Amino acid sequence: MEVIIISKEDFLSMIEENNNKLKSLFLDKEEPTETHKEFLTTKEACAVFNTSRQNLYNKKNEGVIKQYRFGNKKYYKYDEIRSTILKSNEQ
């Protein structure tokens, strides 16, 4: 194992750089395309947004995002999840 010692300023700079990269991934203003559908299953939403099922359920129960039902299947809107994640990242 290798230990690298860096200054506090360098560490904070690295964190800020990574945050900016993450924001740029979510801030694209594209409309849903084949790469991201308008409605996602729970499994798809968790994979696309790298979150847990429990986190989605919690946001649904808090009224932050809405769950849609088509037949027996449950779906989430891509844009609603994306905007929720952007808001939570800004705080």
C-alpha atoms as a PDB file:
ATOM      1  CA  MET A   1       0.000   0.000   0.000  1.00  0.00           C
ATOM      2  CA  GLU A   2       1.250   3.443  -0.901  1.00  0.00           C
ATOM      3  CA  VAL A   3       0.526   6.535   1.175  1.00  0.00           C
ATOM      4  CA  ILE A   4       0.512   9.911  -0.523  1.00  0.00           C
ATOM      5  CA  ILE A   5       0.517  13.081   1.514  1.00  0.00           C
ATOM      6  CA  ILE A   6      -1.166  16.118  -0.015  1.00  0.00           C
ATOM      7  CA  SER A   7      -2.037  19.530   1.315  1.00  0.00           C
ATOM      8  CA  LYS A   8      -5.540  20.480   2.363  1.00  0.00           C
ATOM      9  CA  GLU A   9      -5.768  22.915  -0.552  1.00  0.00           C
ATOM     10  CA  ASP A  10      -4.817  20.216  -3.072  1.00  0.00           C
ATOM     11  CA  PHE A  11      -7.349  17.834  -1.551  1.00  0.00           C
ATOM     12  CA  LEU A  12     -10.144  20.423  -1.712  1.00  0.00           C
ATOM     13  CA  SER A  13      -9.159  21.256  -5.264  1.00  0.00           C
ATOM     14  CA  MET A  14      -9.408  17.592  -6.253  1.00  0.00           C
ATOM     15  CA  ILE A  15     -12.853  17.319  -4.676  1.00  0.00           C
ATOM     16  CA  GLU A  16     -14.040  20.465  -6.449  1.00  0.00           C
ATOM     17  CA  GLU A  17     -12.729  19.164  -9.776  1.00  0.00           C
ATOM     18  CA  ASN A  18     -14.567  15.852  -9.314  1.00  0.00           C
ATOM     19  CA  ASN A  19     -17.779  17.677  -8.335  1.00  0.00           C
ATOM     20  CA  ASN A  20     -17.549  19.788 -11.491  1.00  0.00           C
ATOM     21  CA  LYS A  21     -17.108  16.657 -13.615  1.00  0.00           C
ATOM     22  CA  LEU A  22     -20.161  15.056 -12.001  1.00  0.00           C
ATOM     23  CA  LYS A  23     -22.262  18.191 -12.486  1.00  0.00           C
ATOM     24  CA  SER A  24     -21.313  18.377 -16.146  1.00  0.00           C
ATOM     25  CA  LEU A  25     -22.599  14.830 -16.621  1.00  0.00           C
ATOM     26  CA  PHE A  26     -26.042  15.814 -15.323  1.00  0.00           C
ATOM     27  CA  LEU A  27     -26.325  19.369 -16.592  1.00  0.00           C
ATOM     28  CA  ASP A  28     -26.649  18.562 -20.269  1.00  0.00           C
ATOM     29  CA  LYS A  29     -29.936  20.006 -21.493  1.00  0.00           C
ATOM     30  CA  GLU A  30     -30.670  17.259 -23.988  1.00  0.00           C
ATOM     31  CA  GLU A  31     -34.159  15.862 -24.346  1.00  0.00           C
ATOM     32  CA  PRO A  32     -34.593  12.152 -23.660  1.00  0.00           C
ATOM     33  CA  THR A  33     -33.208  10.040 -26.481  1.00  0.00           C
ATOM     34  CA  GLU A  34     -32.389   6.397 -26.943  1.00  0.00           C
ATOM     35  CA  THR A  35     -29.570   6.804 -24.396  1.00  0.00           C
ATOM     36  CA  HIS A  36     -32.037   7.871 -21.728  1.00  0.00           C
ATOM     37  CA  LYS A  37     -35.708   7.032 -21.968  1.00  0.00           C
ATOM     38  CA  GLU A  38     -38.441   9.262 -20.587  1.00  0.00           C
ATOM     39  CA  PHE A  39     -39.688   6.567 -18.171  1.00  0.00           C
ATOM     40  CA  LEU A  40     -37.371   4.215 -16.298  1.00  0.00           C
ATOM     41  CA  THR A  41     -38.111   1.109 -14.273  1.00  0.00           C
ATOM     42  CA  THR A  42     -36.830   1.084 -10.703  1.00  0.00           C
ATOM     43  CA  LYS A  43     -33.905  -1.099 -11.751  1.00  0.00           C
ATOM     44  CA  GLU A  44     -33.028   1.164 -14.703  1.00  0.00           C
ATOM     45  CA  ALA A  45     -33.291   4.322 -12.587  1.00  0.00           C
ATOM     46  CA  CYS A  46     -30.970   2.870  -9.964  1.00  0.00           C
ATOM     47  CA  ALA A  47     -28.435   1.915 -12.623  1.00  0.00           C
ATOM     48  CA  VAL A  48     -28.570   5.193 -14.566  1.00  0.00           C
ATOM     49  CA  PHE A  49     -28.329   7.426 -11.500  1.00  0.00           C
ATOM     50  CA  ASN A  50     -26.148   5.136  -9.392  1.00  0.00           C
ATOM     51  CA  THR A  51     -28.553   5.111  -6.473  1.00  0.00           C
ATOM     52  CA  SER A  52     -30.266   2.472  -4.352  1.00  0.00           C
ATOM     53  CA  ARG A  53     -33.846   1.215  -4.540  1.00  0.00           C
ATOM     54  CA  GLN A  54     -34.340   2.430  -0.984  1.00  0.00           C
ATOM     55  CA  ASN A  55     -33.235   5.946  -1.918  1.00  0.00           C
ATOM     56  CA  LEU A  56     -35.790   6.005  -4.760  1.00  0.00           C
ATOM     57  CA  TYR A  57     -38.530   4.737  -2.456  1.00  0.00           C
ATOM     58  CA  ASN A  58     -37.603   7.310   0.192  1.00  0.00           C
ATOM     59  CA  LYS A  59     -37.765  10.154  -2.354  1.00  0.00           C
ATOM     60  CA  LYS A  60     -41.131   8.824  -3.572  1.00  0.00           C
ATOM     61  CA  ASN A  61     -42.509   8.587  -0.021  1.00  0.00           C
ATOM     62  CA  GLU A  62     -41.250  12.113   0.751  1.00  0.00           C
ATOM     63  CA  GLY A  63     -43.117  13.361  -2.327  1.00  0.00           C
ATOM     64  CA  VAL A  64     -39.918  14.538  -4.003  1.00  0.00           C
ATOM     65  CA  ILE A  65     -40.384  12.295  -7.043  1.00  0.00           C
ATOM     66  CA  LYS A  66     -43.485  10.635  -8.403  1.00  0.00           C
ATOM     67  CA  GLN A  67     -43.906   6.973  -9.252  1.00  0.00           C
ATOM     68  CA  TYR A  68     -45.999   6.074 -12.294  1.00  0.00           C
ATOM     69  CA  ARG A  69     -47.822   2.809 -12.879  1.00  0.00           C
ATOM     70  CA  PHE A  70     -48.539   1.264 -16.235  1.00  0.00           C
ATOM     71  CA  GLY A  71     -50.291  -2.023 -15.671  1.00  0.00           C
ATOM     72  CA  ASN A  72     -48.402  -3.857 -12.945  1.00  0.00           C
ATOM     73  CA  LYS A  73     -45.098  -2.077 -13.608  1.00  0.00           C
ATOM     74  CA  LYS A  74     -43.748   0.941 -11.709  1.00  0.00           C
ATOM     75  CA  TYR A  75     -41.799   3.676 -13.470  1.00  0.00           C
ATOM     76  CA  TYR A  76     -40.031   6.932 -12.683  1.00  0.00           C
ATOM     77  CA  LYS A  77     -39.566   9.920 -14.969  1.00  0.00           C
ATOM     78  CA  TYR A  78     -35.969  10.474 -16.007  1.00  0.00           C
ATOM     79  CA  ASP A  79     -36.222  14.281 -15.755  1.00  0.00           C
ATOM     80  CA  GLU A  80     -37.725  14.203 -12.244  1.00  0.00           C
ATOM     81  CA  ILE A  81     -34.952  11.994 -10.893  1.00  0.00           C
ATOM     82  CA  ARG A  82     -32.280  14.038 -12.665  1.00  0.00           C
ATOM     83  CA  SER A  83     -33.554  17.341 -11.266  1.00  0.00           C
ATOM     84  CA  THR A  84     -33.816  15.832  -7.766  1.00  0.00           C
ATOM     85  CA  ILE A  85     -30.212  14.672  -7.915  1.00  0.00           C
ATOM     86  CA  LEU A  86     -29.047  18.056  -9.200  1.00  0.00           C
ATOM     87  CA  LYS A  87     -30.845  19.836  -6.355  1.00  0.00           C
ATOM     88  CA  SER A  88     -29.369  17.517  -3.735  1.00  0.00           C
ATOM     89  CA  ASN A  89     -25.863  17.994  -5.196  1.00  0.00           C
ATOM     90  CA  GLU A  90     -26.190  21.784  -4.993  1.00  0.00           C
ATOM     91  CA  GLN A  91     -26.908  21.699  -1.247  1.00  0.00           C
END
